[in-house]
N, C-alpha and C. Protein backbone atom coordinates (compact mmCIF):
# COMPACT_ATOMS: atom_id res chain seq x y z
N MET A 1 0.85 -0.94 0.04
CA MET A 1 0.15 0.22 -0.01
C MET A 1 0.78 1.41 0.13
N GLU A 2 0.46 2.05 -0.99
CA GLU A 2 1.43 3.40 -1.04
C GLU A 2 0.86 4.21 -0.01
N ASN A 3 1.85 5.19 0.63
CA ASN A 3 1.17 6.87 1.56
C ASN A 3 0.43 7.74 0.53
N ALA A 4 0.07 9.01 1.51
CA ALA A 4 -0.05 10.28 0.66
C ALA A 4 0.92 10.81 -0.56
N PHE A 5 2.29 9.97 -0.27
CA PHE A 5 3.42 11.03 -0.72
C PHE A 5 3.92 9.87 -1.28
N GLY A 6 3.34 8.66 -2.17
CA GLY A 6 3.31 7.74 -2.88
C GLY A 6 4.39 6.55 -2.64
N LYS A 7 5.11 6.65 -1.41
CA LYS A 7 6.06 5.84 -0.76
C LYS A 7 5.58 4.32 -0.30
N PRO A 8 5.77 3.41 -0.84
CA PRO A 8 5.10 2.11 -0.26
C PRO A 8 5.60 1.91 0.98
N VAL A 9 4.17 1.42 1.94
CA VAL A 9 4.74 1.05 3.30
C VAL A 9 5.23 -0.36 3.32
N GLU A 10 6.12 -0.58 3.59
CA GLU A 10 6.71 -2.41 3.74
C GLU A 10 6.69 -2.60 5.15
N VAL A 11 5.77 -4.06 5.48
CA VAL A 11 6.03 -4.65 6.60
C VAL A 11 6.79 -5.99 6.77
N GLU A 12 8.09 -6.73 6.92
CA GLU A 12 8.37 -8.21 6.93
C GLU A 12 7.79 -9.13 7.67
N VAL A 13 7.08 -9.99 7.39
CA VAL A 13 6.83 -10.86 8.27
C VAL A 13 7.59 -11.78 8.51
N ARG A 14 7.89 -12.00 9.97
CA ARG A 14 8.66 -13.01 10.72
C ARG A 14 8.30 -14.07 11.28
N ASP A 15 7.99 -13.42 12.23
CA ASP A 15 7.04 -14.39 13.24
C ASP A 15 5.56 -14.97 13.20
N SER A 16 4.99 -13.89 13.16
CA SER A 16 3.22 -13.96 12.95
C SER A 16 2.63 -13.06 12.43
N LEU A 17 1.92 -13.61 11.52
CA LEU A 17 0.92 -12.40 10.85
C LEU A 17 0.22 -11.44 11.18
N GLU A 18 -0.04 -11.46 12.78
CA GLU A 18 -0.24 -11.08 13.55
C GLU A 18 0.24 -9.86 13.89
N LYS A 19 1.45 -10.50 14.42
CA LYS A 19 2.63 -9.36 15.08
C LYS A 19 2.79 -8.50 13.66
N ALA A 20 2.89 -8.66 12.46
CA ALA A 20 2.87 -7.85 10.91
C ALA A 20 1.70 -6.88 11.08
N MET A 21 1.00 -7.45 10.85
CA MET A 21 -0.47 -6.88 10.91
C MET A 21 -0.56 -5.42 12.10
N LYS A 22 0.24 -5.64 13.02
CA LYS A 22 -0.36 -4.71 14.13
C LYS A 22 1.49 -3.65 13.74
N ILE A 23 2.29 -4.21 13.79
CA ILE A 23 3.09 -2.86 13.21
C ILE A 23 2.81 -2.40 11.74
N LEU A 24 1.86 -3.16 10.64
CA LEU A 24 1.58 -1.97 9.50
C LEU A 24 0.41 -0.99 10.29
N LYS A 25 -0.28 -1.74 11.14
CA LYS A 25 -1.46 -0.63 11.31
C LYS A 25 -0.58 0.34 12.18
N GLN A 26 0.43 0.07 12.78
CA GLN A 26 1.70 1.37 13.58
C GLN A 26 1.49 2.35 12.74
N LYS A 27 2.37 1.86 11.30
CA LYS A 27 2.60 2.57 10.82
C LYS A 27 2.12 3.58 9.66
N MET A 28 0.87 2.64 9.58
CA MET A 28 -0.27 3.75 8.60
C MET A 28 -0.53 4.32 9.59
N SER A 29 -0.93 4.21 11.17
CA SER A 29 -1.41 5.82 11.77
C SER A 29 -0.34 6.79 11.87
N LYS A 30 1.37 6.07 11.87
CA LYS A 30 1.87 7.48 12.05
C LYS A 30 2.41 8.21 10.79
N GLU A 31 1.73 7.55 9.79
CA GLU A 31 1.99 8.23 8.04
C GLU A 31 0.56 8.77 8.13
N GLY A 32 -0.64 9.00 8.91
CA GLY A 32 -1.72 9.63 8.37
C GLY A 32 -2.25 8.99 7.37
N ILE A 33 -2.27 7.96 7.33
CA ILE A 33 -2.37 6.97 6.00
C ILE A 33 -4.31 7.12 6.24
N LEU A 34 -4.32 5.97 7.80
CA LEU A 34 -5.87 6.06 8.29
C LEU A 34 -6.60 7.03 8.41
N GLN A 35 -6.01 8.02 8.62
CA GLN A 35 -6.98 9.68 9.03
C GLN A 35 -7.48 9.79 7.27
N GLU A 36 -6.67 10.27 6.73
CA GLU A 36 -6.61 9.89 4.95
C GLU A 36 -7.45 9.34 4.49
N LEU A 37 -7.60 7.98 4.50
CA LEU A 37 -8.83 7.48 4.21
C LEU A 37 -10.47 7.81 4.71
N LYS A 38 -10.38 7.81 6.26
CA LYS A 38 -11.40 8.31 6.91
C LYS A 38 -12.15 9.56 6.22
N ARG A 39 -11.38 10.60 5.65
CA ARG A 39 -11.13 12.08 5.58
C ARG A 39 -11.75 11.50 3.78
N ARG A 40 -11.08 10.88 3.11
CA ARG A 40 -11.55 10.52 1.59
C ARG A 40 -12.96 9.71 1.39
N ARG A 41 -13.79 9.31 2.43
CA ARG A 41 -14.76 8.50 1.96
C ARG A 41 -15.79 9.19 1.65
N PHE A 42 -16.08 10.66 1.99
CA PHE A 42 -16.72 11.02 1.79
C PHE A 42 -16.29 12.82 0.99
N TYR A 43 -17.66 13.02 0.19
CA TYR A 43 -17.14 14.52 0.01
C TYR A 43 -16.66 15.43 0.43
N GLU A 44 -15.84 16.41 0.94
CA GLU A 44 -15.97 17.54 1.02
C GLU A 44 -15.85 19.00 0.70
N LYS A 45 -16.67 19.59 1.29
CA LYS A 45 -16.81 20.91 0.26
C LYS A 45 -15.53 21.81 0.61
N PRO A 46 -14.92 22.92 -0.51
CA PRO A 46 -14.27 23.67 -0.47
C PRO A 46 -14.34 24.08 0.96
N SER A 47 -15.19 25.07 1.75
CA SER A 47 -15.28 25.89 2.64
C SER A 47 -14.70 24.71 4.34
N VAL A 48 -15.40 23.45 3.90
CA VAL A 48 -15.21 22.63 5.26
C VAL A 48 -13.78 21.91 5.04
N LYS A 49 -12.97 22.00 3.66
CA LYS A 49 -11.82 21.56 3.55
C LYS A 49 -11.19 22.75 4.00
N LYS A 50 -11.12 24.16 3.87
CA LYS A 50 -10.34 25.03 4.39
C LYS A 50 -10.44 25.08 5.89
N LYS A 51 -11.36 25.37 6.30
CA LYS A 51 -11.33 25.07 8.14
C LYS A 51 -10.66 24.41 8.24
N ARG A 52 -10.77 22.89 8.16
CA ARG A 52 -10.21 21.53 8.39
C ARG A 52 -8.58 22.24 8.70
N LYS A 53 -8.18 22.59 7.57
CA LYS A 53 -6.96 22.74 7.20
C LYS A 53 -6.45 23.91 8.43
N THR A 54 -7.40 24.98 8.58
CA THR A 54 -7.02 25.86 9.43
C THR A 54 -6.77 25.53 10.29
N ARG A 55 -7.87 24.73 11.16
CA ARG A 55 -7.76 24.12 12.61
C ARG A 55 -6.81 23.23 12.51
N GLU A 56 -6.43 22.17 11.80
CA GLU A 56 -5.18 21.46 11.63
C GLU A 56 -3.93 22.57 11.87
N ALA A 57 -3.40 23.03 10.94
CA ALA A 57 -2.47 24.21 10.97
C ALA A 57 -2.39 24.60 12.41
N ARG A 58 -3.37 25.10 13.22
CA ARG A 58 -3.32 25.69 14.73
C ARG A 58 -3.08 25.02 15.24
N LYS A 59 -3.16 23.41 15.02
CA LYS A 59 -3.09 22.38 16.07
C LYS A 59 -1.76 21.87 16.28
N ARG A 60 -1.14 21.98 14.72
CA ARG A 60 0.47 21.72 14.73
C ARG A 60 0.95 23.01 15.29
N LEU A 61 0.63 23.90 15.21
CA LEU A 61 1.57 24.99 16.15
C LEU A 61 1.33 25.03 17.38
N ARG A 62 0.62 24.89 17.96
CA ARG A 62 0.28 24.85 19.37
C ARG A 62 1.31 23.87 20.11
N ARG A 63 0.69 22.72 19.20
CA ARG A 63 2.08 21.28 19.76
C ARG A 63 3.42 21.55 19.42
N GLU A 64 3.55 22.41 18.80
CA GLU A 64 4.96 22.91 18.47
C GLU A 64 5.72 23.86 19.91
N MET A 65 4.71 24.65 19.62
CA MET A 65 4.67 25.95 21.08
C MET A 65 5.31 25.16 21.97
N LYS A 66 3.98 24.27 22.45
CA LYS A 66 4.35 23.41 23.51
C LYS A 66 5.47 23.12 23.96
N ARG A 67 5.55 21.99 22.60
CA ARG A 67 7.30 21.57 23.09
C ARG A 67 8.23 22.16 23.04
N LYS A 68 8.13 23.47 22.50
CA LYS A 68 9.73 24.57 22.61
C LYS A 68 9.59 25.24 24.10
N SER A 69 8.45 25.62 24.54
CA SER A 69 8.58 26.17 25.70
C SER A 69 8.74 25.16 26.86
N GLY A 70 8.61 24.07 26.41
CA GLY A 70 8.81 22.87 27.80
C GLY A 70 10.06 22.31 27.59
N MET A 71 10.80 22.35 26.66
CA MET A 71 11.87 21.44 26.64
C MET A 71 13.36 22.15 27.67
N GLY A 72 13.22 23.45 28.26
CA GLY A 72 14.09 23.75 29.46
C GLY A 72 13.66 23.40 30.62
N THR A 73 12.59 23.08 30.96
CA THR A 73 11.99 22.18 32.10
C THR A 73 11.47 21.33 32.49
N GLY A 74 11.35 20.62 33.92
CA GLY A 74 11.04 18.96 33.63
C GLY A 74 11.67 18.74 34.63
N PRO A 75 11.51 17.14 34.78
CA PRO A 75 12.27 16.63 36.28
C PRO A 75 13.71 16.47 36.07
N GLY A 76 14.41 16.77 36.65
CA GLY A 76 16.22 16.54 36.55
C GLY A 76 16.90 18.00 36.03
N ARG A 77 16.61 19.04 35.61
CA ARG A 77 16.67 20.08 34.37
C ARG A 77 17.12 20.92 35.44
N MET A 78 18.03 22.26 35.30
CA MET A 78 17.79 23.13 35.86
C MET A 78 18.29 24.27 34.78
């Protein structure tokens, strides 16, 4: 299966198929393939798409700011 960027997602089956499926699901989740599939299930109006993109960008920015502000703090840091 190829992700949104056209790169194939590969998983090697060594021990069991269940383990390989779990790894595949984790990789797909990490790359956002599952979210993309859910989103493309129905047509999205341009206005809704714009709002979603703005909301995602705001969320991403908030997450980055939180990570940057929290870098110097925490247990064991001075």
